[in-house]
Amino acid sequence: MRAPMQLREPNTILVGKKSVMAYVLAVVSQFNNGSPFVKIKARGKIISRAVDVAEIVRHRFINSAQAKEIKISTEDLQSEDGTMAKVSSIEIVLVK
């Protein structure tokens, strides 16, 4: 399945197939560069990895970070064969 083309939002980490610690480092780097918040986004089977990233950041690296907002939704994506599929998504907003 292909995601629709989107412009990258500032302070947003899109979680994919890399290791959890790669995304943790990206979130911590955003906070260290002065960002007041970081959005962690994921879809489908990767949602659990996004939750892991948020929890590792909060409990091991930046104890003052809090989950300000958690949004869940369903997106319609078109697969390569043209069929439409519904995919769950999550957006976690961490603030320092």
N, C-alpha and C. Protein backbone atom coordinates (compact mmCIF):
# COMPACT_ATOMS: atom_id res chain seq x y z
N MET A 1 0.84 -1.18 0.00
CA MET A 1 0.00 0.00 0.00
C MET A 1 0.88 1.24 0.00
N ARG A 2 0.46 2.22 -0.67
CA ARG A 2 1.18 3.49 -0.71
C ARG A 2 0.40 4.56 0.01
N ALA A 3 1.12 5.33 0.80
CA ALA A 3 0.50 6.45 1.50
C ALA A 3 0.43 7.63 0.54
N PRO A 4 -0.57 8.48 0.70
CA PRO A 4 -0.63 9.67 -0.14
C PRO A 4 0.53 10.59 0.19
N MET A 5 0.97 11.36 -0.81
CA MET A 5 2.08 12.30 -0.61
C MET A 5 1.65 13.37 0.39
N GLN A 6 2.50 13.58 1.39
CA GLN A 6 2.20 14.58 2.40
C GLN A 6 3.44 15.43 2.63
N LEU A 7 3.21 16.69 2.94
CA LEU A 7 4.31 17.55 3.33
C LEU A 7 4.68 17.20 4.76
N ARG A 8 5.97 17.20 5.04
CA ARG A 8 6.42 16.84 6.39
C ARG A 8 6.15 17.99 7.34
N GLU A 9 5.51 17.67 8.45
CA GLU A 9 5.20 18.67 9.47
C GLU A 9 6.42 18.87 10.36
N PRO A 10 6.64 20.09 10.83
CA PRO A 10 7.74 20.30 11.77
C PRO A 10 7.46 19.59 13.10
N ASN A 11 8.52 19.18 13.78
CA ASN A 11 8.43 18.52 15.09
C ASN A 11 7.66 17.21 15.03
N THR A 12 7.66 16.54 13.88
CA THR A 12 6.91 15.29 13.71
C THR A 12 7.86 14.15 13.38
N ILE A 13 7.70 13.06 14.10
CA ILE A 13 8.48 11.85 13.85
C ILE A 13 7.52 10.80 13.31
N LEU A 14 7.77 10.32 12.10
CA LEU A 14 6.94 9.29 11.50
C LEU A 14 7.60 7.94 11.78
N VAL A 15 6.96 7.12 12.57
CA VAL A 15 7.53 5.84 12.97
C VAL A 15 7.30 4.82 11.86
N GLY A 16 8.37 4.09 11.54
CA GLY A 16 8.31 3.06 10.50
C GLY A 16 9.00 1.80 10.96
N LYS A 17 9.87 1.26 10.10
CA LYS A 17 10.46 -0.05 10.35
C LYS A 17 11.83 -0.01 11.03
N LYS A 18 12.36 1.15 11.32
CA LYS A 18 13.65 1.23 12.01
C LYS A 18 13.49 0.76 13.45
N SER A 19 14.61 0.66 14.15
CA SER A 19 14.55 0.23 15.54
C SER A 19 13.88 1.30 16.41
N VAL A 20 13.34 0.87 17.52
CA VAL A 20 12.67 1.78 18.44
C VAL A 20 13.64 2.88 18.89
N MET A 21 14.87 2.49 19.19
CA MET A 21 15.85 3.46 19.71
C MET A 21 16.21 4.53 18.67
N ALA A 22 16.11 4.23 17.40
CA ALA A 22 16.35 5.25 16.37
C ALA A 22 15.32 6.37 16.48
N TYR A 23 14.07 6.00 16.74
CA TYR A 23 13.00 7.00 16.88
C TYR A 23 13.08 7.72 18.23
N VAL A 24 13.50 7.00 19.27
CA VAL A 24 13.71 7.63 20.58
C VAL A 24 14.77 8.72 20.44
N LEU A 25 15.88 8.41 19.77
CA LEU A 25 16.94 9.39 19.54
C LEU A 25 16.42 10.60 18.77
N ALA A 26 15.57 10.36 17.78
CA ALA A 26 15.01 11.47 16.99
C ALA A 26 14.14 12.37 17.87
N VAL A 27 13.32 11.78 18.75
CA VAL A 27 12.47 12.58 19.63
C VAL A 27 13.31 13.38 20.62
N VAL A 28 14.29 12.72 21.24
CA VAL A 28 15.16 13.40 22.21
C VAL A 28 15.92 14.53 21.52
N SER A 29 16.38 14.30 20.30
CA SER A 29 17.09 15.35 19.55
C SER A 29 16.19 16.56 19.29
N GLN A 30 14.92 16.31 18.96
CA GLN A 30 13.98 17.41 18.74
C GLN A 30 13.83 18.25 20.01
N PHE A 31 13.68 17.60 21.15
CA PHE A 31 13.56 18.33 22.41
C PHE A 31 14.85 19.08 22.73
N ASN A 32 15.99 18.46 22.50
CA ASN A 32 17.28 19.11 22.78
C ASN A 32 17.54 20.30 21.87
N ASN A 33 16.91 20.32 20.70
CA ASN A 33 17.05 21.44 19.77
C ASN A 33 16.06 22.56 20.07
N GLY A 34 15.33 22.44 21.17
CA GLY A 34 14.46 23.52 21.61
C GLY A 34 12.99 23.38 21.26
N SER A 35 12.58 22.27 20.70
CA SER A 35 11.17 22.10 20.35
C SER A 35 10.33 21.97 21.63
N PRO A 36 9.23 22.72 21.71
CA PRO A 36 8.38 22.63 22.90
C PRO A 36 7.52 21.36 22.91
N PHE A 37 7.33 20.74 21.74
CA PHE A 37 6.53 19.53 21.63
C PHE A 37 7.06 18.68 20.47
N VAL A 38 6.74 17.41 20.49
CA VAL A 38 7.08 16.49 19.39
C VAL A 38 5.87 15.59 19.15
N LYS A 39 5.48 15.44 17.88
CA LYS A 39 4.40 14.53 17.51
C LYS A 39 5.03 13.23 17.02
N ILE A 40 4.52 12.12 17.52
CA ILE A 40 4.95 10.80 17.08
C ILE A 40 3.76 10.18 16.36
N LYS A 41 3.95 9.85 15.07
CA LYS A 41 2.85 9.32 14.27
C LYS A 41 3.19 7.93 13.75
N ALA A 42 2.17 7.06 13.68
CA ALA A 42 2.35 5.72 13.13
C ALA A 42 1.02 5.20 12.61
N ARG A 43 1.12 4.18 11.73
CA ARG A 43 -0.07 3.54 11.18
C ARG A 43 0.06 2.03 11.24
N GLY A 44 -1.08 1.38 11.33
CA GLY A 44 -1.14 -0.07 11.21
C GLY A 44 -0.39 -0.81 12.30
N LYS A 45 0.37 -1.82 11.89
CA LYS A 45 1.08 -2.69 12.83
C LYS A 45 2.17 -1.96 13.60
N ILE A 46 2.56 -0.79 13.14
CA ILE A 46 3.65 -0.04 13.74
C ILE A 46 3.17 0.80 14.93
N ILE A 47 1.88 0.85 15.19
CA ILE A 47 1.34 1.66 16.28
C ILE A 47 1.99 1.29 17.61
N SER A 48 2.19 0.03 17.87
CA SER A 48 2.80 -0.38 19.14
C SER A 48 4.22 0.15 19.27
N ARG A 49 4.94 0.27 18.16
CA ARG A 49 6.30 0.81 18.19
C ARG A 49 6.26 2.29 18.56
N ALA A 50 5.27 3.03 18.08
CA ALA A 50 5.14 4.45 18.43
C ALA A 50 4.87 4.62 19.91
N VAL A 51 4.03 3.75 20.48
CA VAL A 51 3.75 3.80 21.92
C VAL A 51 5.02 3.49 22.70
N ASP A 52 5.78 2.51 22.24
CA ASP A 52 7.06 2.18 22.89
C ASP A 52 8.00 3.37 22.88
N VAL A 53 8.08 4.06 21.75
CA VAL A 53 8.95 5.25 21.63
C VAL A 53 8.55 6.29 22.66
N ALA A 54 7.27 6.61 22.73
CA ALA A 54 6.80 7.62 23.67
C ALA A 54 7.10 7.23 25.11
N GLU A 55 6.88 5.97 25.46
CA GLU A 55 7.09 5.53 26.83
C GLU A 55 8.58 5.50 27.20
N ILE A 56 9.43 5.09 26.28
CA ILE A 56 10.87 5.08 26.55
C ILE A 56 11.38 6.50 26.73
N VAL A 57 10.93 7.43 25.88
CA VAL A 57 11.33 8.83 26.04
C VAL A 57 10.90 9.35 27.40
N ARG A 58 9.66 9.09 27.78
CA ARG A 58 9.12 9.61 29.05
C ARG A 58 9.78 9.00 30.28
N HIS A 59 10.09 7.72 30.24
CA HIS A 59 10.56 7.05 31.46
C HIS A 59 12.07 6.92 31.57
N ARG A 60 12.79 6.97 30.45
CA ARG A 60 14.24 6.77 30.52
C ARG A 60 15.06 8.01 30.19
N PHE A 61 14.56 8.88 29.33
CA PHE A 61 15.38 9.97 28.83
C PHE A 61 14.94 11.35 29.29
N ILE A 62 13.65 11.65 29.19
CA ILE A 62 13.15 12.98 29.57
C ILE A 62 11.98 12.76 30.53
N ASN A 63 12.30 12.69 31.81
CA ASN A 63 11.28 12.38 32.81
C ASN A 63 10.20 13.46 32.90
N SER A 64 10.52 14.68 32.48
CA SER A 64 9.54 15.76 32.53
C SER A 64 8.57 15.74 31.35
N ALA A 65 8.82 14.90 30.35
CA ALA A 65 7.95 14.83 29.17
C ALA A 65 6.62 14.18 29.55
N GLN A 66 5.55 14.74 28.99
CA GLN A 66 4.21 14.21 29.24
C GLN A 66 3.47 14.06 27.93
N ALA A 67 2.57 13.08 27.88
CA ALA A 67 1.71 12.91 26.71
C ALA A 67 0.57 13.92 26.83
N LYS A 68 0.65 14.98 26.04
CA LYS A 68 -0.37 16.03 26.10
C LYS A 68 -1.65 15.60 25.38
N GLU A 69 -1.47 14.89 24.28
CA GLU A 69 -2.63 14.53 23.46
C GLU A 69 -2.35 13.22 22.73
N ILE A 70 -3.35 12.37 22.64
CA ILE A 70 -3.25 11.13 21.88
C ILE A 70 -4.48 11.05 20.98
N LYS A 71 -4.23 11.00 19.67
CA LYS A 71 -5.33 10.92 18.70
C LYS A 71 -5.26 9.58 17.99
N ILE A 72 -6.41 8.93 17.87
CA ILE A 72 -6.48 7.71 17.07
C ILE A 72 -7.49 7.95 15.96
N SER A 73 -7.23 7.34 14.81
CA SER A 73 -8.14 7.52 13.68
C SER A 73 -7.99 6.35 12.71
N THR A 74 -8.81 6.36 11.70
CA THR A 74 -8.74 5.38 10.62
C THR A 74 -8.57 6.13 9.32
N GLU A 75 -7.60 5.69 8.52
CA GLU A 75 -7.33 6.33 7.24
C GLU A 75 -7.65 5.36 6.12
N ASP A 76 -8.15 5.89 5.02
CA ASP A 76 -8.38 5.08 3.82
C ASP A 76 -7.16 5.19 2.93
N LEU A 77 -6.54 4.06 2.63
CA LEU A 77 -5.37 4.03 1.76
C LEU A 77 -5.66 3.15 0.56
N GLN A 78 -5.08 3.55 -0.58
CA GLN A 78 -5.26 2.77 -1.79
C GLN A 78 -4.04 1.87 -1.97
N SER A 79 -4.28 0.58 -2.14
CA SER A 79 -3.18 -0.36 -2.35
C SER A 79 -2.73 -0.30 -3.81
N GLU A 80 -1.64 -1.00 -4.10
CA GLU A 80 -1.09 -0.97 -5.46
C GLU A 80 -2.04 -1.58 -6.48
N ASP A 81 -2.90 -2.50 -6.04
CA ASP A 81 -3.86 -3.09 -6.99
C ASP A 81 -5.13 -2.26 -7.13
N GLY A 82 -5.19 -1.11 -6.46
CA GLY A 82 -6.30 -0.19 -6.62
C GLY A 82 -7.41 -0.33 -5.60
N THR A 83 -7.35 -1.33 -4.75
CA THR A 83 -8.40 -1.50 -3.74
C THR A 83 -8.14 -0.55 -2.57
N MET A 84 -9.21 -0.20 -1.89
CA MET A 84 -9.10 0.68 -0.73
C MET A 84 -9.06 -0.16 0.54
N ALA A 85 -8.24 0.28 1.47
CA ALA A 85 -8.14 -0.42 2.75
C ALA A 85 -8.19 0.60 3.88
N LYS A 86 -8.77 0.22 4.98
CA LYS A 86 -8.82 1.09 6.16
C LYS A 86 -7.66 0.71 7.07
N VAL A 87 -6.89 1.71 7.48
CA VAL A 87 -5.72 1.48 8.32
C VAL A 87 -5.81 2.37 9.54
N SER A 88 -5.62 1.80 10.72
CA SER A 88 -5.64 2.57 11.96
C SER A 88 -4.38 3.41 12.06
N SER A 89 -4.49 4.58 12.71
CA SER A 89 -3.33 5.43 12.91
C SER A 89 -3.39 6.06 14.29
N ILE A 90 -2.22 6.49 14.78
CA ILE A 90 -2.12 7.11 16.08
C ILE A 90 -1.18 8.32 15.97
N GLU A 91 -1.48 9.34 16.75
CA GLU A 91 -0.62 10.52 16.87
C GLU A 91 -0.49 10.83 18.36
N ILE A 92 0.75 10.80 18.85
CA ILE A 92 1.02 11.07 20.26
C ILE A 92 1.80 12.37 20.32
N VAL A 93 1.31 13.35 21.07
CA VAL A 93 1.99 14.63 21.23
C VAL A 93 2.65 14.65 22.60
N LEU A 94 3.98 14.71 22.62
CA LEU A 94 4.73 14.82 23.86
C LEU A 94 5.14 16.27 24.07
N VAL A 95 5.01 16.74 25.29
CA VAL A 95 5.48 18.09 25.65
C VAL A 95 6.47 17.96 26.79
N LYS A 96 7.38 18.91 26.85
CA LYS A 96 8.41 18.89 27.87
C LYS A 96 8.00 19.70 29.08
